[in-house]
Amino acid sequence: MMQRPRVTTRQLTYFVAVAEAGGFTRAAEQVGVSQPSLSQQISGLEQVIGGLLFERGGAPLLTPLGREVLDRARRILLDVRDLEEVRAIVGDGLTGTIRLGVSPTLGAYMLPAIVARLHREHPTLRVHIREALPDALAFGLAAGTHDMVLAQLPVAGASLHCERLFREPLHLAMAADHPLHRKAVIRPADLMGQPLLTLQPGYRLSDQVAAIAAETGAVVLRDYEGTSLDAVRQMAGMGVGLTLLPERYVRQEVREGDDVIVRPFTGGRYYRDIGLLWRDGAGRAPAFHLIADYLRADS
């Protein structure tokens, strides 16, 4: 009996390369093979699947079948990569390269000390850091661009493992001459009718500020949406409005005598949850757990 042909990881790798490169020639250069060899592998995959994956003629556009197979091919290749990392690793596994995606509202004031400690205690480990908005982080994690993601929770995405690290209080920031600066702590009722500055859409903190405004009767200023915590802090210091800043940011960036005053909320009422995420079944999960422990210890 003739053996039925099987899908190979090489075929899937070449198929994904063509889909992402947008052309056979470019894909062949990227994977380091000749174009005829790459085309032969794609044809073999189409024979096994039983249909065309790309439209022929001009740029290789994905067919409906190709779009469906592409999502599965990416997941399969990620699973294979994670499986290959399930191996006997010397020591604690903190070696090689780890690609970490991080929210811009976290990386600048959380990661320097952690990265320095990892470099000091694990000199063979390299951490490559890339900042992105939450949705892009989740997509990058699922696509394999990131090995881990450090972000404000929740992060949408299936088949993700989430390690909750800590709960970070939010504080109210205002100009030094704002009437609320006389209060030692801020009650939710104090926000009634107050203008709130926030980050641009796409940040979890922006969504949270909008929810707090709806709860307290504050007004979100949509005519100015910052691209960073520094930007909204500076606007608050100029008296444009109030804003909410995370505690760790306040510790590092706000000093006595600055043009902005920061006050806590009564009972720590408002906060955000921070987590470290990676794909379920990741081969380096033990090392990722250790990094989560480092982050908790530093919090």
Protein backbone atom coordinates (compact mmCIF):
# COMPACT_ATOMS: atom_id res chain seq x y z
CA MET A 1 0.00 0.00 0.00
CA MET A 2 1.38 3.37 -1.00
CA GLN A 3 1.99 5.55 2.03
CA ARG A 4 -0.09 8.71 2.12
CA PRO A 5 2.07 11.87 1.98
CA ARG A 6 2.35 13.80 5.22
CA VAL A 7 2.70 17.47 6.03
CA THR A 8 6.22 18.40 7.08
CA THR A 9 7.41 21.29 9.23
CA ARG A 10 9.59 22.40 6.31
CA GLN A 11 6.52 22.76 4.11
CA LEU A 12 4.74 24.76 6.82
CA THR A 13 7.80 26.96 7.39
CA TYR A 14 8.08 27.79 3.70
CA PHE A 15 4.34 28.37 3.40
CA VAL A 16 4.34 30.85 6.30
CA ALA A 17 7.43 32.54 4.88
CA VAL A 18 5.72 33.14 1.51
CA ALA A 19 2.57 34.42 3.19
CA GLU A 20 4.51 36.86 5.38
CA ALA A 21 7.03 37.96 2.73
CA GLY A 22 4.39 38.47 0.06
CA GLY A 23 6.40 36.72 -2.62
CA PHE A 24 8.20 33.46 -3.44
CA THR A 25 11.51 35.11 -4.33
CA ARG A 26 11.70 37.14 -1.13
CA ALA A 27 10.64 34.17 0.98
CA ALA A 28 13.26 31.94 -0.61
CA GLU A 29 15.95 34.50 0.24
CA GLN A 30 14.75 34.70 3.83
CA VAL A 31 14.77 30.96 4.45
CA GLY A 32 17.99 30.43 2.47
CA VAL A 33 16.83 28.11 -0.32
CA SER A 34 16.36 28.42 -4.06
CA GLN A 35 12.98 29.54 -5.33
CA PRO A 36 12.33 26.25 -7.22
CA SER A 37 12.98 24.27 -4.02
CA LEU A 38 10.61 26.50 -2.06
CA SER A 39 7.93 26.31 -4.75
CA GLN A 40 8.23 22.51 -4.81
CA GLN A 41 7.61 22.35 -1.06
CA ILE A 42 4.56 24.61 -1.37
CA SER A 43 3.17 22.43 -4.17
CA GLY A 44 3.73 19.36 -2.03
CA LEU A 45 1.81 20.96 0.83
CA GLU A 46 -1.06 21.86 -1.53
CA GLN A 47 -1.22 18.23 -2.68
CA VAL A 48 -1.51 17.01 0.88
CA ILE A 49 -4.08 19.68 1.83
CA GLY A 50 -6.03 19.09 -1.36
CA GLY A 51 -6.33 22.63 -2.66
CA LEU A 52 -4.49 25.78 -3.70
CA LEU A 53 -3.08 27.90 -0.89
CA PHE A 54 -2.09 30.85 -3.08
CA GLU A 55 -3.71 32.42 -6.11
CA ARG A 56 -1.43 32.00 -9.12
CA GLY A 57 -0.39 34.94 -11.27
CA GLY A 58 1.00 38.18 -9.86
CA ALA A 59 1.57 38.49 -6.13
CA PRO A 60 0.82 35.25 -4.26
CA LEU A 61 -2.45 36.14 -2.55
CA LEU A 62 -3.82 33.64 -0.05
CA THR A 63 -6.92 31.72 -1.05
CA PRO A 64 -9.67 31.24 1.58
CA LEU A 65 -8.19 27.79 2.23
CA GLY A 66 -4.74 29.38 2.51
CA ARG A 67 -5.94 31.84 5.15
CA GLU A 68 -7.34 29.01 7.23
CA VAL A 69 -4.20 26.90 6.87
CA LEU A 70 -1.95 29.88 7.69
CA ASP A 71 -3.40 30.30 11.19
CA ARG A 72 -3.00 26.58 11.87
CA ALA A 73 0.51 26.48 10.40
CA ARG A 74 1.67 29.29 12.67
CA ARG A 75 0.26 27.54 15.75
CA ILE A 76 1.86 24.24 14.75
CA LEU A 77 5.27 25.82 14.21
CA LEU A 78 5.05 27.60 17.57
CA ASP A 79 4.13 24.32 19.27
CA VAL A 80 7.09 22.63 17.60
CA ARG A 81 9.42 25.41 18.73
CA ASP A 82 8.12 25.19 22.29
CA LEU A 83 8.49 21.40 22.19
CA GLU A 84 12.10 21.72 21.06
CA GLU A 85 12.77 23.88 24.11
CA VAL A 86 11.54 21.14 26.46
CA ARG A 87 14.95 19.71 27.05
CA ALA A 88 17.45 19.19 29.82
CA ILE A 89 18.74 22.68 30.54
CA VAL A 90 21.74 23.20 32.76
CA GLY A 91 20.88 24.97 36.01
CA ASP A 92 17.73 27.10 36.13
CA GLY A 93 17.28 27.60 32.37
CA LEU A 94 18.04 31.32 32.48
CA THR A 95 20.36 31.24 29.50
CA GLY A 96 20.20 32.05 25.79
CA THR A 97 17.78 34.71 24.51
CA ILE A 98 14.33 35.59 25.83
CA ARG A 99 12.18 38.05 23.88
CA LEU A 100 10.06 40.13 26.23
CA GLY A 101 7.20 42.32 25.10
CA VAL A 102 6.19 45.08 27.52
CA SER A 103 3.65 47.86 27.80
CA PRO A 104 5.15 51.38 27.57
CA THR A 105 3.47 52.25 30.90
CA LEU A 106 5.58 49.57 32.62
CA GLY A 107 8.91 48.99 30.92
CA ALA A 108 10.78 52.22 31.57
CA TYR A 109 10.42 52.15 35.35
CA MET A 110 10.11 48.42 36.09
CA LEU A 111 12.61 46.65 33.87
CA PRO A 112 15.99 48.38 34.32
CA ALA A 113 16.62 46.94 37.80
CA ILE A 114 15.34 43.47 36.82
CA VAL A 115 17.39 43.33 33.62
CA ALA A 116 20.48 44.48 35.51
CA ARG A 117 19.96 41.74 38.12
CA LEU A 118 19.42 39.07 35.48
CA HIS A 119 22.58 40.17 33.66
CA ARG A 120 24.53 40.13 36.91
CA GLU A 121 23.30 36.75 38.17
CA HIS A 122 22.83 35.05 34.78
CA PRO A 123 25.47 36.48 32.41
CA THR A 124 24.63 34.02 29.61
CA LEU A 125 21.03 35.25 29.43
CA ARG A 126 20.08 37.94 26.93
CA VAL A 127 16.72 39.71 27.28
CA HIS A 128 15.48 41.46 24.14
CA ILE A 129 12.77 43.99 25.05
CA ARG A 130 10.18 45.43 22.69
CA GLU A 131 7.47 47.90 23.73
CA ALA A 132 3.97 47.78 22.23
CA LEU A 133 0.34 48.50 23.04
CA PRO A 134 -1.65 45.70 24.72
CA ASP A 135 -3.39 44.34 21.62
CA ALA A 136 -0.11 44.26 19.70
CA LEU A 137 1.56 42.50 22.64
CA ALA A 138 -1.10 39.79 22.67
CA PHE A 139 -0.82 39.33 18.91
CA GLY A 140 2.97 39.19 19.10
CA LEU A 141 2.86 36.59 21.84
CA ALA A 142 0.47 34.39 19.86
CA ALA A 143 2.54 34.86 16.69
CA GLY A 144 5.83 34.02 18.40
CA THR A 145 7.34 37.52 18.19
CA HIS A 146 7.51 37.56 22.00
CA ASP A 147 8.31 34.71 24.38
CA MET A 148 6.78 36.57 27.31
CA VAL A 149 4.68 39.69 27.80
CA LEU A 150 4.65 42.04 30.82
CA ALA A 151 1.44 44.05 30.82
CA GLN A 152 -1.54 45.37 32.70
CA LEU A 153 -4.24 42.74 32.96
CA PRO A 154 -6.44 41.58 31.42
CA VAL A 155 -4.68 40.59 28.20
CA ALA A 156 -6.94 38.96 25.63
CA GLY A 157 -5.79 35.77 23.96
CA ALA A 158 -6.42 32.06 23.96
CA SER A 159 -3.97 29.43 25.25
CA LEU A 160 -1.98 31.88 27.37
CA HIS A 161 -0.57 31.24 30.82
CA CYS A 162 -0.88 34.26 33.12
CA GLU A 163 1.20 34.84 36.26
CA ARG A 164 -0.32 37.63 38.33
CA LEU A 165 2.59 39.56 39.80
CA PHE A 166 1.18 42.33 41.95
CA ARG A 167 -1.55 44.92 42.38
CA GLU A 168 -0.38 48.50 41.85
CA PRO A 169 -2.30 51.41 43.41
CA LEU A 170 -3.22 54.40 41.28
CA HIS A 171 -2.75 57.95 42.61
CA LEU A 172 -4.30 61.24 41.61
CA ALA A 173 -1.91 63.82 40.13
CA MET A 174 -2.71 67.53 39.91
CA ALA A 175 -1.11 70.94 39.58
CA ALA A 176 0.54 72.22 42.76
CA ASP A 177 -2.10 74.95 43.15
CA HIS A 178 -5.15 72.72 42.59
CA PRO A 179 -7.66 72.91 45.51
CA LEU A 180 -7.55 69.13 46.01
CA HIS A 181 -3.86 69.30 46.98
CA ARG A 182 -5.00 70.25 50.50
CA LYS A 183 -6.48 66.79 50.98
CA ALA A 184 -4.23 64.03 52.39
CA VAL A 185 -6.27 61.36 50.61
CA ILE A 186 -8.76 61.54 47.76
CA ARG A 187 -12.29 60.16 47.93
CA PRO A 188 -14.11 59.07 44.76
CA ALA A 189 -16.65 61.84 45.37
CA ASP A 190 -13.85 64.41 45.04
CA LEU A 191 -13.63 63.60 41.33
CA MET A 192 -17.20 64.71 40.58
CA GLY A 193 -17.09 67.11 37.63
CA GLN A 194 -13.28 67.14 37.53
CA PRO A 195 -11.49 66.96 34.13
CA LEU A 196 -9.35 63.83 33.76
CA LEU A 197 -6.40 63.52 31.40
CA THR A 198 -5.73 60.09 29.99
CA LEU A 199 -3.57 58.14 27.57
CA GLN A 200 -4.58 57.55 23.97
CA PRO A 201 -6.94 54.63 23.23
CA GLY A 202 -5.24 51.25 23.16
CA TYR A 203 -3.78 51.46 26.65
CA ARG A 204 -5.50 49.47 29.41
CA LEU A 205 -4.95 52.45 31.70
CA SER A 206 -6.94 54.63 29.31
CA ASP A 207 -9.89 52.22 29.52
CA GLN A 208 -9.57 52.19 33.30
CA VAL A 209 -9.58 55.98 33.58
CA ALA A 210 -12.73 56.08 31.45
CA ALA A 211 -14.40 53.56 33.78
CA ILE A 212 -13.39 55.54 36.87
CA ALA A 213 -14.75 58.72 35.29
CA ALA A 214 -18.07 57.02 34.61
CA GLU A 215 -18.22 55.80 38.22
CA THR A 216 -17.33 59.10 39.89
CA GLY A 217 -18.85 61.68 37.56
CA ALA A 218 -15.50 62.97 36.33
CA VAL A 219 -15.08 64.11 32.72
CA VAL A 220 -12.44 62.56 30.44
CA LEU A 221 -10.68 65.20 28.35
CA ARG A 222 -10.72 63.76 24.85
CA ASP A 223 -9.17 66.85 23.23
CA TYR A 224 -5.81 65.78 24.68
CA GLU A 225 -4.77 62.12 24.91
CA GLY A 226 -1.18 61.48 25.93
CA THR A 227 1.21 58.99 24.38
CA SER A 228 3.09 58.43 27.66
CA LEU A 229 2.75 58.80 31.42
CA ASP A 230 5.29 61.64 31.25
CA ALA A 231 3.05 63.52 28.84
CA VAL A 232 -0.11 63.35 30.98
CA ARG A 233 1.89 64.16 34.14
CA GLN A 234 3.28 67.29 32.52
CA MET A 235 -0.16 68.38 31.32
CA ALA A 236 -1.55 67.85 34.82
CA GLY A 237 1.29 69.96 36.24
CA MET A 238 0.29 72.76 33.86
CA GLY A 239 -3.24 72.74 35.25
CA VAL A 240 -4.94 71.28 32.17
CA GLY A 241 -6.65 68.59 34.25
CA LEU A 242 -6.12 65.79 36.75
CA THR A 243 -4.69 62.40 35.90
CA LEU A 244 -4.13 58.98 37.47
CA LEU A 245 -0.59 57.69 37.77
CA PRO A 246 0.64 54.22 38.86
CA GLU A 247 2.50 54.06 42.16
CA ARG A 248 5.81 52.80 40.76
CA TYR A 249 5.87 55.59 38.23
CA VAL A 250 5.24 58.10 41.01
CA ARG A 251 8.11 56.68 43.08
CA GLN A 252 10.61 57.22 40.29
CA GLU A 253 9.38 60.32 38.50
CA VAL A 254 7.63 62.63 41.01
CA ARG A 255 9.69 64.57 43.55
CA GLU A 256 8.92 67.04 46.32
CA GLY A 257 8.77 70.53 44.86
CA ASP A 258 7.71 69.39 41.38
CA ASP A 259 4.94 71.24 39.56
CA VAL A 260 2.67 68.23 40.10
CA ILE A 261 1.23 67.02 43.42
CA VAL A 262 0.23 63.38 43.93
CA ARG A 263 -2.31 62.09 46.43
CA PRO A 264 -3.47 58.51 47.18
CA PHE A 265 -7.08 57.39 47.07
CA THR A 266 -8.74 56.41 50.31
CA GLY A 267 -8.38 52.70 51.00
CA GLY A 268 -6.31 52.19 47.84
CA ARG A 269 -9.62 52.07 45.99
CA TYR A 270 -8.18 52.26 42.50
CA TYR A 271 -5.39 50.01 41.27
CA ARG A 272 -4.24 47.97 38.30
CA ASP A 273 -3.17 44.32 38.14
CA ILE A 274 0.16 43.51 36.51
CA GLY A 275 0.97 40.10 35.04
CA LEU A 276 3.55 38.14 33.08
CA LEU A 277 2.18 35.97 30.28
CA TRP A 278 3.49 33.27 28.01
CA ARG A 279 2.03 30.60 25.75
CA ASP A 280 0.61 27.44 27.32
CA GLY A 281 3.06 24.61 26.89
CA ALA A 282 6.09 26.86 26.43
CA GLY A 283 9.22 24.77 26.72
CA ARG A 284 10.97 27.41 28.82
CA ALA A 285 8.12 27.82 31.29
CA PRO A 286 10.36 26.98 34.32
CA ALA A 287 12.66 29.87 33.41
CA PHE A 288 9.66 32.16 32.87
CA HIS A 289 8.37 31.27 36.34
CA LEU A 290 11.73 32.29 37.79
CA ILE A 291 11.56 35.66 36.03
CA ALA A 292 8.05 36.12 37.43
CA ASP A 293 9.49 35.49 40.91
CA TYR A 294 12.16 38.13 40.28
CA LEU A 295 9.49 40.65 39.28
CA ARG A 296 7.40 39.89 42.35
CA ALA A 297 10.40 40.25 44.63
CA ASP A 298 11.20 43.65 43.13
CA SER A 299 7.65 44.90 43.56
